Amino acid sequence: MAFIKPEPPYYVVIINSALNDGDLDGYAAMDERMAELGVQQPGYLGRESRTGADGRELTVLYYRDAESIRAWQQHPEHLEAQRLGKEKWYADYYIEIAKVERAYGFERTPG
């Protein structure tokens, strides 16, 4: 089942990342914990993630407002995950934050 996007306006955090080829010890557990903790944050609306053939991951997180994003960025466990990500796990990552004012699409229905 596809993620049902919220009605605009809402905010998105777009994360484009690649893991190191080296030591990923602890990464899977931390990734799972961040996903678990992230959904509990006020203003969290959902998440979509895809991994390309080259191993790069594109994750889009949906939030009600910019304040919710700032609060999550400063959460103590999230700060520790960010620190470890920079020190150990990521080759690189790029983050974009945007306000979605308008969204539309098309979906073919069977039949």
Protein backbone atom coordinates (compact mmCIF):
# COMPACT_ATOMS: atom_id res chain seq x y z
CA MET A 1 0.00 0.00 0.00
CA ALA A 2 1.36 3.42 -0.96
CA PHE A 3 1.95 6.15 1.60
CA ILE A 4 -0.94 8.62 1.51
CA LYS A 5 0.54 12.08 1.49
CA PRO A 6 -0.94 14.79 3.73
CA GLU A 7 -2.91 17.73 2.39
CA PRO A 8 -0.73 20.83 1.85
CA PRO A 9 0.67 22.85 3.35
CA TYR A 10 3.22 20.59 5.01
CA TYR A 11 7.00 20.34 5.23
CA VAL A 12 9.39 17.73 3.86
CA VAL A 13 12.90 16.75 4.85
CA ILE A 14 14.65 15.15 1.88
CA ILE A 15 17.72 13.10 2.75
CA ASN A 16 20.02 11.77 0.03
CA SER A 17 22.69 9.54 1.58
CA ALA A 18 25.34 6.89 0.99
CA LEU A 19 26.83 4.61 3.60
CA ASN A 20 30.56 3.97 4.00
CA ASP A 21 32.03 0.76 2.65
CA GLY A 22 33.64 0.20 6.05
CA ASP A 23 32.42 -0.37 9.60
CA LEU A 24 28.62 -0.33 9.85
CA ASP A 25 28.57 -1.91 13.31
CA GLY A 26 25.52 -0.60 15.17
CA TYR A 27 24.04 1.16 12.15
CA ALA A 28 21.01 -1.12 11.63
CA ALA A 29 19.99 -0.90 15.29
CA MET A 30 20.36 2.89 15.32
CA ASP A 31 18.44 3.23 12.05
CA GLU A 32 15.61 1.14 13.49
CA ARG A 33 15.60 3.16 16.72
CA MET A 34 15.47 6.47 14.84
CA ALA A 35 12.53 5.25 12.73
CA GLU A 36 10.75 4.04 15.87
CA LEU A 37 11.42 7.27 17.77
CA GLY A 38 10.76 9.51 14.76
CA VAL A 39 7.13 8.42 14.36
CA GLN A 40 6.50 9.41 17.99
CA GLN A 41 7.56 13.02 17.43
CA PRO A 42 4.87 15.73 17.45
CA GLY A 43 4.17 16.92 13.92
CA TYR A 44 5.45 13.76 12.19
CA LEU A 45 3.20 12.82 9.26
CA GLY A 46 5.00 9.98 7.45
CA ARG A 47 8.02 8.68 5.59
CA GLU A 48 9.00 7.27 2.21
CA SER A 49 12.35 5.71 1.37
CA ARG A 50 14.01 4.18 -1.69
CA THR A 51 17.44 2.68 -2.26
CA GLY A 52 18.92 2.96 -5.75
CA ALA A 53 20.94 0.34 -7.62
CA ASP A 54 24.06 2.34 -6.66
CA GLY A 55 23.22 1.96 -2.95
CA ARG A 56 22.25 5.60 -2.43
CA GLU A 57 19.18 6.08 -0.27
CA LEU A 58 16.57 8.77 -0.77
CA THR A 59 14.31 9.36 2.21
CA VAL A 60 11.46 11.88 2.42
CA LEU A 61 10.06 12.69 5.86
CA TYR A 62 6.78 14.60 6.16
CA TYR A 63 6.05 17.07 8.97
CA ARG A 64 3.21 19.40 9.88
CA ASP A 65 5.47 22.42 10.45
CA ALA A 66 9.04 23.69 10.64
CA GLU A 67 8.98 23.72 14.46
CA SER A 68 8.43 19.94 14.48
CA ILE A 69 11.51 19.48 12.30
CA ARG A 70 13.64 21.68 14.55
CA ALA A 71 12.48 19.79 17.65
CA TRP A 72 13.40 16.44 16.07
CA GLN A 73 16.79 17.76 14.98
CA GLN A 74 17.54 18.61 18.63
CA HIS A 75 16.22 15.38 20.21
CA PRO A 76 19.09 13.94 22.34
CA GLU A 77 19.02 10.44 20.79
CA HIS A 78 18.80 11.93 17.30
CA LEU A 79 21.79 14.17 18.04
CA GLU A 80 23.78 11.08 19.03
CA ALA A 81 22.72 9.28 15.83
CA GLN A 82 23.82 12.30 13.79
CA ARG A 83 27.21 12.31 15.52
CA LEU A 84 27.78 8.60 14.93
CA GLY A 85 26.59 8.91 11.33
CA LYS A 86 29.20 11.55 10.58
CA GLU A 87 31.96 9.73 12.48
CA LYS A 88 31.34 6.16 11.34
CA TRP A 89 28.53 5.25 8.97
CA TYR A 90 28.00 7.77 6.17
CA ALA A 91 30.20 8.46 3.18
CA ASP A 92 28.01 11.52 2.60
CA TYR A 93 24.54 12.90 3.04
CA TYR A 94 22.64 15.92 1.79
CA ILE A 95 19.52 17.32 3.42
CA GLU A 96 16.92 19.66 1.97
CA ILE A 97 13.96 21.08 3.86
CA ALA A 98 11.02 22.54 1.99
CA LYS A 99 7.47 23.72 2.53
CA VAL A 100 4.99 22.08 0.16
CA GLU A 101 2.35 24.62 -0.78
CA ARG A 102 0.66 22.59 -3.51
CA ALA A 103 0.70 18.93 -4.50
CA TYR A 104 -1.20 16.90 -7.09
CA GLY A 105 -0.98 13.61 -8.91
CA PHE A 106 -2.66 10.85 -10.87
CA GLU A 107 -3.33 7.23 -10.06
CA ARG A 108 -4.93 4.80 -12.49
CA THR A 109 -7.63 2.67 -10.92
CA PRO A 110 -8.07 -0.94 -12.04
CA GLY A 111 -10.96 -1.80 -14.28
